[in-house]
Amino acid sequence: MMNNELFPGSRVMNPARPDWGAGQVQSVVGNRVTVNFENAGKMMVHVDHVTLEPIDRDPE
């Protein structure tokens, strides 16, 4: 997921840490994205090093 596709309210997963569960983007500042994950709480993710995957709201 590209940084410009991330915005507050986006639902994402960190494929490297599936144990964190689903997360909701809280803020995006440059390459730093703050995400509130179900099982890990609020985490700052550097998107230069981590690829966040979007979670479809309406899976088909």
N, C-alpha and C. Protein backbone atom coordinates (compact mmCIF):
# COMPACT_ATOMS: atom_id res chain seq x y z
N MET A 1 0.86 -1.18 0.00
CA MET A 1 0.00 0.00 0.00
C MET A 1 0.89 1.23 0.00
N MET A 2 0.64 2.12 -0.91
CA MET A 2 1.44 3.33 -1.02
C MET A 2 1.04 4.31 0.07
N ASN A 3 2.01 5.11 0.50
CA ASN A 3 1.77 6.08 1.56
C ASN A 3 0.63 7.02 1.20
N ASN A 4 0.51 7.42 -0.08
CA ASN A 4 -0.55 8.35 -0.46
C ASN A 4 -1.93 7.70 -0.45
N GLU A 5 -1.99 6.37 -0.29
CA GLU A 5 -3.27 5.67 -0.19
C GLU A 5 -3.72 5.52 1.25
N LEU A 6 -2.85 5.89 2.18
CA LEU A 6 -3.18 5.78 3.60
C LEU A 6 -3.76 7.10 4.09
N PHE A 7 -4.83 7.01 4.85
CA PHE A 7 -5.45 8.21 5.42
C PHE A 7 -6.16 7.79 6.70
N PRO A 8 -6.36 8.73 7.62
CA PRO A 8 -7.05 8.39 8.86
C PRO A 8 -8.38 7.71 8.58
N GLY A 9 -8.59 6.61 9.27
CA GLY A 9 -9.80 5.83 9.09
C GLY A 9 -9.58 4.59 8.24
N SER A 10 -8.50 4.55 7.44
CA SER A 10 -8.20 3.36 6.64
C SER A 10 -8.01 2.17 7.55
N ARG A 11 -8.50 1.01 7.11
CA ARG A 11 -8.29 -0.23 7.86
C ARG A 11 -7.20 -1.02 7.18
N VAL A 12 -6.21 -1.46 7.96
CA VAL A 12 -5.03 -2.12 7.42
C VAL A 12 -4.60 -3.29 8.30
N MET A 13 -3.70 -4.11 7.73
CA MET A 13 -3.04 -5.17 8.48
C MET A 13 -1.55 -5.06 8.20
N ASN A 14 -0.74 -5.49 9.15
CA ASN A 14 0.70 -5.61 8.94
C ASN A 14 0.97 -7.08 8.68
N PRO A 15 1.24 -7.47 7.42
CA PRO A 15 1.40 -8.89 7.11
C PRO A 15 2.58 -9.53 7.84
N ALA A 16 3.54 -8.73 8.26
CA ALA A 16 4.68 -9.27 9.01
C ALA A 16 4.30 -9.56 10.46
N ARG A 17 3.19 -8.99 10.93
CA ARG A 17 2.74 -9.17 12.32
C ARG A 17 1.24 -9.44 12.36
N PRO A 18 0.79 -10.57 11.81
CA PRO A 18 -0.65 -10.85 11.80
C PRO A 18 -1.24 -10.96 13.20
N ASP A 19 -0.40 -11.24 14.19
CA ASP A 19 -0.88 -11.32 15.57
C ASP A 19 -1.35 -9.97 16.11
N TRP A 20 -0.97 -8.88 15.46
CA TRP A 20 -1.44 -7.56 15.87
C TRP A 20 -2.92 -7.37 15.54
N GLY A 21 -3.44 -8.14 14.60
CA GLY A 21 -4.83 -8.01 14.20
C GLY A 21 -5.05 -6.85 13.24
N ALA A 22 -6.30 -6.56 12.99
CA ALA A 22 -6.66 -5.44 12.11
C ALA A 22 -6.35 -4.13 12.81
N GLY A 23 -6.05 -3.13 12.00
CA GLY A 23 -5.76 -1.81 12.57
C GLY A 23 -6.46 -0.72 11.82
N GLN A 24 -6.59 0.42 12.49
CA GLN A 24 -7.18 1.60 11.86
C GLN A 24 -6.16 2.72 11.91
N VAL A 25 -5.88 3.32 10.75
CA VAL A 25 -4.92 4.42 10.66
C VAL A 25 -5.46 5.61 11.46
N GLN A 26 -4.59 6.13 12.33
CA GLN A 26 -4.94 7.30 13.13
C GLN A 26 -4.39 8.58 12.51
N SER A 27 -3.13 8.51 12.00
CA SER A 27 -2.52 9.69 11.38
C SER A 27 -1.42 9.25 10.43
N VAL A 28 -1.13 10.15 9.47
CA VAL A 28 -0.06 9.93 8.50
C VAL A 28 0.76 11.20 8.46
N VAL A 29 2.05 11.08 8.81
CA VAL A 29 2.96 12.22 8.77
C VAL A 29 4.23 11.75 8.06
N GLY A 30 4.37 12.17 6.81
CA GLY A 30 5.51 11.73 6.02
C GLY A 30 5.48 10.22 5.85
N ASN A 31 6.57 9.56 6.26
CA ASN A 31 6.65 8.10 6.12
C ASN A 31 6.24 7.38 7.40
N ARG A 32 5.71 8.13 8.37
CA ARG A 32 5.27 7.54 9.64
C ARG A 32 3.75 7.50 9.71
N VAL A 33 3.25 6.31 9.98
CA VAL A 33 1.81 6.10 10.06
C VAL A 33 1.50 5.54 11.45
N THR A 34 0.61 6.19 12.15
CA THR A 34 0.18 5.69 13.46
C THR A 34 -1.08 4.89 13.25
N VAL A 35 -1.03 3.63 13.72
CA VAL A 35 -2.14 2.70 13.54
C VAL A 35 -2.54 2.14 14.89
N ASN A 36 -3.83 2.08 15.16
CA ASN A 36 -4.34 1.46 16.37
C ASN A 36 -4.76 0.04 16.02
N PHE A 37 -3.94 -0.96 16.43
CA PHE A 37 -4.20 -2.36 16.12
C PHE A 37 -5.02 -3.00 17.23
N GLU A 38 -5.89 -3.95 16.84
CA GLU A 38 -6.76 -4.65 17.78
C GLU A 38 -6.00 -5.27 18.95
N ASN A 39 -4.90 -5.97 18.65
CA ASN A 39 -4.21 -6.75 19.67
C ASN A 39 -2.89 -6.15 20.12
N ALA A 40 -2.47 -5.05 19.52
CA ALA A 40 -1.17 -4.47 19.87
C ALA A 40 -1.28 -3.03 20.32
N GLY A 41 -2.45 -2.44 20.17
CA GLY A 41 -2.62 -1.05 20.54
C GLY A 41 -2.05 -0.11 19.50
N LYS A 42 -1.74 1.11 19.91
CA LYS A 42 -1.29 2.13 18.99
C LYS A 42 0.20 1.93 18.69
N MET A 43 0.51 1.82 17.40
CA MET A 43 1.88 1.59 16.96
C MET A 43 2.22 2.59 15.85
N MET A 44 3.47 3.09 15.87
CA MET A 44 3.94 3.91 14.77
C MET A 44 4.69 3.01 13.81
N VAL A 45 4.30 3.06 12.55
CA VAL A 45 4.87 2.21 11.51
C VAL A 45 5.57 3.10 10.50
N HIS A 46 6.81 2.76 10.17
CA HIS A 46 7.54 3.48 9.12
C HIS A 46 7.29 2.74 7.81
N VAL A 47 6.55 3.37 6.92
CA VAL A 47 6.15 2.69 5.69
C VAL A 47 7.31 2.53 4.70
N ASP A 48 8.48 3.08 5.01
CA ASP A 48 9.67 2.80 4.21
C ASP A 48 10.13 1.36 4.46
N HIS A 49 9.78 0.80 5.61
CA HIS A 49 10.25 -0.52 6.02
C HIS A 49 9.14 -1.55 6.14
N VAL A 50 7.90 -1.12 6.25
CA VAL A 50 6.77 -2.02 6.45
C VAL A 50 5.71 -1.71 5.40
N THR A 51 5.19 -2.75 4.77
CA THR A 51 4.10 -2.58 3.81
C THR A 51 2.80 -2.95 4.51
N LEU A 52 1.93 -1.98 4.67
CA LEU A 52 0.62 -2.23 5.26
C LEU A 52 -0.34 -2.67 4.16
N GLU A 53 -1.14 -3.67 4.45
CA GLU A 53 -2.12 -4.16 3.47
C GLU A 53 -3.50 -3.65 3.84
N PRO A 54 -4.23 -3.16 2.85
CA PRO A 54 -5.58 -2.67 3.13
C PRO A 54 -6.52 -3.82 3.46
N ILE A 55 -7.50 -3.53 4.27
CA ILE A 55 -8.57 -4.47 4.57
C ILE A 55 -9.82 -3.95 3.87
N ASP A 56 -10.38 -4.76 3.00
CA ASP A 56 -11.60 -4.37 2.30
C ASP A 56 -12.74 -4.26 3.28
N ARG A 57 -13.46 -3.15 3.19
CA ARG A 57 -14.64 -2.98 4.05
C ARG A 57 -15.79 -3.85 3.57
N ASP A 58 -15.91 -4.00 2.24
CA ASP A 58 -16.99 -4.78 1.65
C ASP A 58 -16.40 -5.87 0.78
N PRO A 59 -15.98 -6.99 1.40
CA PRO A 59 -15.39 -8.06 0.58
C PRO A 59 -16.42 -8.63 -0.39
N GLU A 60 -15.94 -8.96 -1.59
CA GLU A 60 -16.83 -9.51 -2.62
C GLU A 60 -16.45 -10.91 -2.94
